């Protein structure tokens, strides 16, 4: 099984509005906004063309640390969910951002740079 920390490599849609980064969102059926995450650049591009209004949206695949910063900022701003590969009607999966952050910050989940539990050479 791949650790959750290693799975954070999604594509995001971002644009600059009024000097600030704005990330694409998707509205879940309960009415909450969720951060849109994509498995492929093509999926993100299709979503931008079919669902997002306005111009300037760019597909990016930031490094893991930057994805975590985006998740933390969204969570702090009250966006508590993330969705994987949304389209106009549905998403493949809904994730509570708080649970993602807890999992990534957990000492029980090994990180690529974490040497605890490994035998010394």
N, C-alpha and C. Protein backbone atom coordinates (compact mmCIF):
# COMPACT_ATOMS: atom_id res chain seq x y z
N UNK A 1 0.84 -1.18 0.00
CA UNK A 1 0.00 0.00 0.00
C UNK A 1 0.88 1.24 0.00
N UNK A 2 0.53 2.23 -0.82
CA UNK A 2 1.28 3.47 -0.91
C UNK A 2 0.83 4.39 0.22
N UNK A 3 1.77 4.96 0.99
CA UNK A 3 1.38 5.88 2.05
C UNK A 3 0.63 7.08 1.48
N UNK A 4 -0.34 7.58 2.26
CA UNK A 4 -1.14 8.74 1.83
C UNK A 4 -0.23 9.90 1.46
N UNK A 5 0.84 10.10 2.22
CA UNK A 5 1.73 11.22 1.97
C UNK A 5 2.33 11.18 0.57
N UNK A 6 2.50 9.98 0.02
CA UNK A 6 3.08 9.85 -1.31
C UNK A 6 2.05 10.00 -2.43
N UNK A 7 0.77 9.99 -2.07
CA UNK A 7 -0.28 10.06 -3.07
C UNK A 7 -0.68 11.49 -3.40
N UNK A 8 -0.15 12.47 -2.70
CA UNK A 8 -0.52 13.86 -2.91
C UNK A 8 0.25 14.45 -4.08
N UNK A 9 -0.20 14.15 -5.27
CA UNK A 9 0.44 14.69 -6.46
C UNK A 9 -0.61 15.03 -7.52
N UNK A 10 -1.67 15.74 -7.12
CA UNK A 10 -2.74 16.03 -8.06
C UNK A 10 -2.43 17.23 -8.95
N UNK A 11 -3.23 17.35 -9.98
CA UNK A 11 -3.25 18.56 -10.80
C UNK A 11 -4.30 19.48 -10.21
N UNK A 12 -4.04 20.78 -10.26
CA UNK A 12 -4.98 21.79 -9.77
C UNK A 12 -5.23 22.80 -10.87
N UNK A 13 -6.34 23.49 -10.77
CA UNK A 13 -6.63 24.61 -11.66
C UNK A 13 -6.52 25.88 -10.82
N UNK A 14 -5.74 26.83 -11.30
CA UNK A 14 -5.50 28.05 -10.54
C UNK A 14 -5.51 29.25 -11.49
N UNK A 15 -5.93 30.37 -10.96
CA UNK A 15 -5.81 31.64 -11.68
C UNK A 15 -5.55 32.72 -10.65
N UNK A 16 -5.04 33.84 -11.11
CA UNK A 16 -4.77 34.97 -10.23
C UNK A 16 -5.91 35.96 -10.39
N UNK A 17 -6.56 36.26 -9.28
CA UNK A 17 -7.65 37.24 -9.23
C UNK A 17 -7.32 38.26 -8.15
N UNK A 18 -7.27 39.52 -8.53
CA UNK A 18 -6.98 40.59 -7.56
C UNK A 18 -5.69 40.33 -6.78
N UNK A 19 -4.69 39.81 -7.47
CA UNK A 19 -3.39 39.58 -6.86
C UNK A 19 -3.30 38.34 -5.97
N UNK A 20 -4.34 37.52 -5.95
CA UNK A 20 -4.35 36.32 -5.11
C UNK A 20 -4.65 35.09 -5.95
N UNK A 21 -4.09 33.97 -5.53
CA UNK A 21 -4.36 32.71 -6.22
C UNK A 21 -5.78 32.25 -5.89
N UNK A 22 -6.50 31.84 -6.91
CA UNK A 22 -7.83 31.27 -6.75
C UNK A 22 -7.80 29.87 -7.34
N UNK A 23 -8.22 28.88 -6.57
CA UNK A 23 -8.22 27.49 -7.02
C UNK A 23 -9.63 27.06 -7.37
N UNK A 24 -9.73 26.24 -8.39
CA UNK A 24 -11.04 25.76 -8.84
C UNK A 24 -11.72 24.96 -7.74
N UNK A 25 -13.02 25.16 -7.67
CA UNK A 25 -13.84 24.45 -6.69
C UNK A 25 -14.97 23.73 -7.41
N UNK A 26 -15.60 22.86 -6.66
CA UNK A 26 -16.75 22.12 -7.14
C UNK A 26 -17.76 22.09 -6.01
N UNK A 27 -19.02 22.23 -6.31
CA UNK A 27 -20.05 22.24 -5.27
C UNK A 27 -20.61 20.83 -5.07
N UNK A 28 -20.46 20.32 -3.85
CA UNK A 28 -21.00 18.99 -3.54
C UNK A 28 -22.51 19.09 -3.35
N UNK A 29 -23.19 17.97 -3.38
CA UNK A 29 -24.66 17.96 -3.35
C UNK A 29 -25.23 18.61 -2.09
N UNK A 30 -24.49 18.61 -1.00
CA UNK A 30 -24.96 19.24 0.23
C UNK A 30 -24.81 20.76 0.20
N UNK A 31 -24.24 21.29 -0.89
CA UNK A 31 -24.11 22.73 -1.02
C UNK A 31 -22.77 23.32 -0.61
N UNK A 32 -21.86 22.50 -0.14
CA UNK A 32 -20.54 22.98 0.28
C UNK A 32 -19.60 23.06 -0.93
N UNK A 33 -18.73 24.06 -0.92
CA UNK A 33 -17.68 24.12 -1.94
C UNK A 33 -16.55 23.18 -1.55
N UNK A 34 -15.95 22.57 -2.55
CA UNK A 34 -14.83 21.66 -2.33
C UNK A 34 -13.71 22.01 -3.31
N UNK A 35 -12.48 21.87 -2.87
CA UNK A 35 -11.32 22.07 -3.74
C UNK A 35 -11.29 20.97 -4.79
N UNK A 36 -11.14 21.34 -6.05
CA UNK A 36 -11.11 20.38 -7.15
C UNK A 36 -9.68 19.89 -7.39
N UNK A 37 -9.48 18.58 -7.30
CA UNK A 37 -8.20 17.92 -7.57
C UNK A 37 -8.39 16.98 -8.75
N UNK A 38 -7.34 16.82 -9.55
CA UNK A 38 -7.46 16.01 -10.76
C UNK A 38 -6.29 15.04 -10.87
N UNK A 39 -6.58 13.85 -11.43
CA UNK A 39 -5.55 12.85 -11.65
C UNK A 39 -4.73 13.12 -12.91
N UNK A 40 -5.30 13.90 -13.84
CA UNK A 40 -4.59 14.18 -15.09
C UNK A 40 -4.78 15.63 -15.51
N UNK A 41 -3.85 16.12 -16.29
CA UNK A 41 -3.96 17.47 -16.83
C UNK A 41 -5.14 17.56 -17.78
N UNK A 42 -5.41 16.48 -18.53
CA UNK A 42 -6.55 16.47 -19.44
C UNK A 42 -7.87 16.62 -18.68
N UNK A 43 -7.99 15.92 -17.55
CA UNK A 43 -9.20 16.03 -16.74
C UNK A 43 -9.41 17.44 -16.22
N UNK A 44 -8.32 18.07 -15.80
CA UNK A 44 -8.41 19.45 -15.31
C UNK A 44 -8.79 20.40 -16.43
N UNK A 45 -8.20 20.22 -17.60
CA UNK A 45 -8.51 21.07 -18.75
C UNK A 45 -9.97 20.93 -19.17
N UNK A 46 -10.45 19.71 -19.21
CA UNK A 46 -11.85 19.47 -19.57
C UNK A 46 -12.79 20.14 -18.57
N UNK A 47 -12.48 20.03 -17.29
CA UNK A 47 -13.30 20.66 -16.25
C UNK A 47 -13.30 22.18 -16.42
N UNK A 48 -12.14 22.75 -16.66
CA UNK A 48 -12.05 24.21 -16.83
C UNK A 48 -12.90 24.68 -18.00
N UNK A 49 -12.82 23.97 -19.11
CA UNK A 49 -13.56 24.38 -20.31
C UNK A 49 -15.07 24.21 -20.15
N UNK A 50 -15.49 23.15 -19.45
CA UNK A 50 -16.92 22.86 -19.38
C UNK A 50 -17.62 23.48 -18.18
N UNK A 51 -16.88 23.80 -17.13
CA UNK A 51 -17.54 24.18 -15.88
C UNK A 51 -17.17 25.56 -15.35
N UNK A 52 -15.93 25.98 -15.51
CA UNK A 52 -15.49 27.23 -14.90
C UNK A 52 -15.79 28.43 -15.78
N UNK A 53 -16.20 29.50 -15.13
CA UNK A 53 -16.41 30.74 -15.88
C UNK A 53 -15.19 31.63 -15.71
N UNK A 54 -15.07 32.57 -16.58
CA UNK A 54 -13.94 33.48 -16.53
C UNK A 54 -12.72 32.90 -17.23
N UNK A 55 -11.74 33.73 -17.36
CA UNK A 55 -10.53 33.32 -18.07
C UNK A 55 -9.35 33.25 -17.11
N UNK A 56 -8.24 32.78 -17.65
CA UNK A 56 -6.99 32.77 -16.89
C UNK A 56 -6.72 31.51 -16.11
N UNK A 57 -7.57 30.49 -16.21
CA UNK A 57 -7.34 29.24 -15.48
C UNK A 57 -6.17 28.50 -16.09
N UNK A 58 -5.26 28.03 -15.23
CA UNK A 58 -4.09 27.28 -15.66
C UNK A 58 -4.03 25.95 -14.91
N UNK A 59 -3.61 24.93 -15.60
CA UNK A 59 -3.40 23.62 -14.97
C UNK A 59 -1.99 23.59 -14.41
N UNK A 60 -1.88 23.24 -13.14
CA UNK A 60 -0.57 23.13 -12.49
C UNK A 60 -0.50 21.82 -11.74
N UNK A 61 0.71 21.32 -11.58
CA UNK A 61 0.94 20.14 -10.74
C UNK A 61 2.06 20.50 -9.76
N UNK A 62 1.65 21.14 -8.66
CA UNK A 62 2.65 21.62 -7.71
C UNK A 62 3.30 20.48 -6.93
N UNK A 63 4.47 20.75 -6.36
CA UNK A 63 5.10 19.74 -5.51
C UNK A 63 4.24 19.47 -4.26
N UNK A 64 4.48 18.34 -3.64
CA UNK A 64 3.71 17.90 -2.49
C UNK A 64 3.59 18.97 -1.42
N UNK A 65 4.69 19.64 -1.08
CA UNK A 65 4.66 20.67 -0.04
C UNK A 65 3.69 21.80 -0.40
N UNK A 66 3.65 22.17 -1.66
CA UNK A 66 2.74 23.22 -2.10
C UNK A 66 1.28 22.76 -2.06
N UNK A 67 1.04 21.50 -2.41
CA UNK A 67 -0.32 20.96 -2.32
C UNK A 67 -0.79 21.02 -0.87
N UNK A 68 0.08 20.66 0.06
CA UNK A 68 -0.29 20.72 1.47
C UNK A 68 -0.57 22.15 1.91
N UNK A 69 0.20 23.11 1.41
CA UNK A 69 -0.07 24.52 1.73
C UNK A 69 -1.44 24.93 1.22
N UNK A 70 -1.79 24.52 0.01
CA UNK A 70 -3.11 24.83 -0.56
C UNK A 70 -4.20 24.20 0.30
N UNK A 71 -4.03 22.94 0.68
CA UNK A 71 -5.02 22.27 1.52
C UNK A 71 -5.18 22.97 2.86
N UNK A 72 -4.08 23.37 3.47
CA UNK A 72 -4.15 24.07 4.76
C UNK A 72 -4.84 25.42 4.61
N UNK A 73 -4.51 26.15 3.56
CA UNK A 73 -5.13 27.46 3.34
C UNK A 73 -6.62 27.32 3.07
N UNK A 74 -7.01 26.34 2.26
CA UNK A 74 -8.43 26.10 2.00
C UNK A 74 -9.16 25.76 3.28
N UNK A 75 -8.58 24.86 4.06
CA UNK A 75 -9.21 24.45 5.32
C UNK A 75 -9.38 25.65 6.25
N UNK A 76 -8.35 26.47 6.35
CA UNK A 76 -8.41 27.66 7.21
C UNK A 76 -9.47 28.65 6.72
N UNK A 77 -9.72 28.67 5.40
CA UNK A 77 -10.72 29.57 4.82
C UNK A 77 -12.13 28.99 4.86
N UNK A 78 -12.28 27.80 5.41
CA UNK A 78 -13.60 27.20 5.54
C UNK A 78 -13.98 26.22 4.45
N UNK A 79 -13.07 25.96 3.52
CA UNK A 79 -13.32 24.92 2.49
C UNK A 79 -12.81 23.63 3.10
N UNK A 80 -13.73 22.79 3.54
CA UNK A 80 -13.36 21.61 4.33
C UNK A 80 -13.32 20.31 3.54
N UNK A 81 -13.67 20.38 2.24
CA UNK A 81 -13.68 19.19 1.41
C UNK A 81 -12.82 19.36 0.18
N UNK A 82 -12.31 18.24 -0.33
CA UNK A 82 -11.64 18.20 -1.63
C UNK A 82 -12.31 17.08 -2.42
N UNK A 83 -12.37 17.25 -3.73
CA UNK A 83 -12.96 16.22 -4.58
C UNK A 83 -11.97 15.83 -5.67
N UNK A 84 -12.04 14.58 -6.06
CA UNK A 84 -11.14 14.05 -7.09
C UNK A 84 -11.89 13.91 -8.40
N UNK A 85 -11.33 14.48 -9.44
CA UNK A 85 -11.86 14.41 -10.80
C UNK A 85 -13.35 14.76 -10.92
N UNK A 86 -13.72 15.96 -10.48
CA UNK A 86 -15.12 16.34 -10.66
C UNK A 86 -15.43 16.66 -12.11
N UNK A 87 -16.71 16.53 -12.44
CA UNK A 87 -17.20 17.04 -13.72
C UNK A 87 -18.42 17.90 -13.38
N UNK A 88 -19.26 18.17 -14.31
CA UNK A 88 -20.42 18.99 -14.02
C UNK A 88 -21.43 18.35 -13.10
N UNK A 89 -21.41 17.03 -12.97
CA UNK A 89 -22.44 16.31 -12.21
C UNK A 89 -21.92 15.56 -10.98
N UNK A 90 -20.72 15.02 -11.07
CA UNK A 90 -20.24 14.16 -9.98
C UNK A 90 -18.73 14.21 -9.87
N UNK A 91 -18.22 13.64 -8.79
CA UNK A 91 -16.78 13.49 -8.58
C UNK A 91 -16.51 12.04 -8.23
N UNK A 92 -15.29 11.59 -8.51
CA UNK A 92 -14.94 10.20 -8.21
C UNK A 92 -14.91 9.93 -6.71
N UNK A 93 -14.47 10.94 -5.95
CA UNK A 93 -14.34 10.75 -4.51
C UNK A 93 -14.34 12.10 -3.81
N UNK A 94 -14.89 12.13 -2.60
CA UNK A 94 -14.90 13.32 -1.75
C UNK A 94 -14.01 13.04 -0.55
N UNK A 95 -13.12 13.98 -0.24
CA UNK A 95 -12.19 13.83 0.88
C UNK A 95 -12.39 14.97 1.87
N UNK A 96 -12.51 14.69 3.15
CA UNK A 96 -12.45 15.76 4.15
C UNK A 96 -11.00 16.26 4.26
N UNK A 97 -10.79 17.53 4.00
CA UNK A 97 -9.42 18.08 4.01
C UNK A 97 -8.78 17.90 5.38
N UNK A 98 -9.54 18.08 6.44
CA UNK A 98 -8.99 17.91 7.79
C UNK A 98 -8.41 16.53 8.00
N UNK A 99 -9.08 15.50 7.47
CA UNK A 99 -8.57 14.13 7.61
C UNK A 99 -7.30 13.92 6.80
N UNK A 100 -7.22 14.55 5.63
CA UNK A 100 -6.00 14.45 4.82
C UNK A 100 -4.84 15.07 5.59
N UNK A 101 -5.08 16.25 6.15
CA UNK A 101 -4.01 16.94 6.88
C UNK A 101 -3.59 16.16 8.12
N UNK A 102 -4.55 15.57 8.83
CA UNK A 102 -4.20 14.75 9.99
C UNK A 102 -3.37 13.54 9.57
N UNK A 103 -3.76 12.90 8.48
CA UNK A 103 -3.03 11.72 8.00
C UNK A 103 -1.61 12.06 7.59
N UNK A 104 -1.44 13.17 6.91
CA UNK A 104 -0.11 13.55 6.42
C UNK A 104 0.78 13.99 7.57
N UNK A 105 0.18 14.59 8.59
CA UNK A 105 0.96 15.04 9.73
C UNK A 105 1.15 13.96 10.80
N UNK A 106 0.54 12.79 10.59
CA UNK A 106 0.60 11.72 11.57
C UNK A 106 1.99 11.08 11.59
N UNK A 107 2.53 10.84 12.78
CA UNK A 107 3.82 10.14 12.86
C UNK A 107 3.70 8.67 12.49
N UNK A 108 2.46 8.15 12.37
CA UNK A 108 2.27 6.75 12.02
C UNK A 108 2.40 6.48 10.53
N UNK A 109 2.33 7.54 9.73
CA UNK A 109 2.42 7.38 8.28
C UNK A 109 3.83 7.80 7.85
N UNK A 110 4.59 6.88 7.28
CA UNK A 110 5.96 7.22 6.89
C UNK A 110 5.99 8.23 5.76
N UNK A 111 6.93 9.13 5.85
CA UNK A 111 7.16 10.13 4.81
C UNK A 111 8.42 9.72 4.06
N UNK A 112 8.56 10.17 2.81
CA UNK A 112 9.76 9.80 2.05
C UNK A 112 11.06 10.19 2.73
N UNK A 113 11.04 11.29 3.51
CA UNK A 113 12.26 11.77 4.15
C UNK A 113 12.38 11.27 5.59
N UNK A 114 11.47 10.41 6.03
CA UNK A 114 11.43 9.93 7.40
C UNK A 114 12.21 8.62 7.50
N UNK A 115 13.24 8.60 8.31
CA UNK A 115 14.10 7.42 8.44
C UNK A 115 13.78 6.61 9.71
N UNK A 116 12.79 7.06 10.49
CA UNK A 116 12.45 6.32 11.71
C UNK A 116 12.01 4.91 11.35
N UNK A 117 12.38 3.97 12.14
CA UNK A 117 11.95 2.60 11.94
C UNK A 117 12.80 1.83 10.93
N UNK A 118 13.79 2.49 10.37
CA UNK A 118 14.67 1.81 9.43
C UNK A 118 15.98 1.48 10.12
N UNK A 119 16.55 0.37 9.80
CA UNK A 119 17.82 -0.04 10.38
C UNK A 119 18.93 0.90 9.92
N UNK A 120 19.83 1.18 10.83
CA UNK A 120 20.98 2.01 10.47
C UNK A 120 21.97 1.21 9.65
N UNK A 121 22.63 1.89 8.70
CA UNK A 121 23.60 1.14 7.87
C UNK A 121 24.81 0.71 8.64
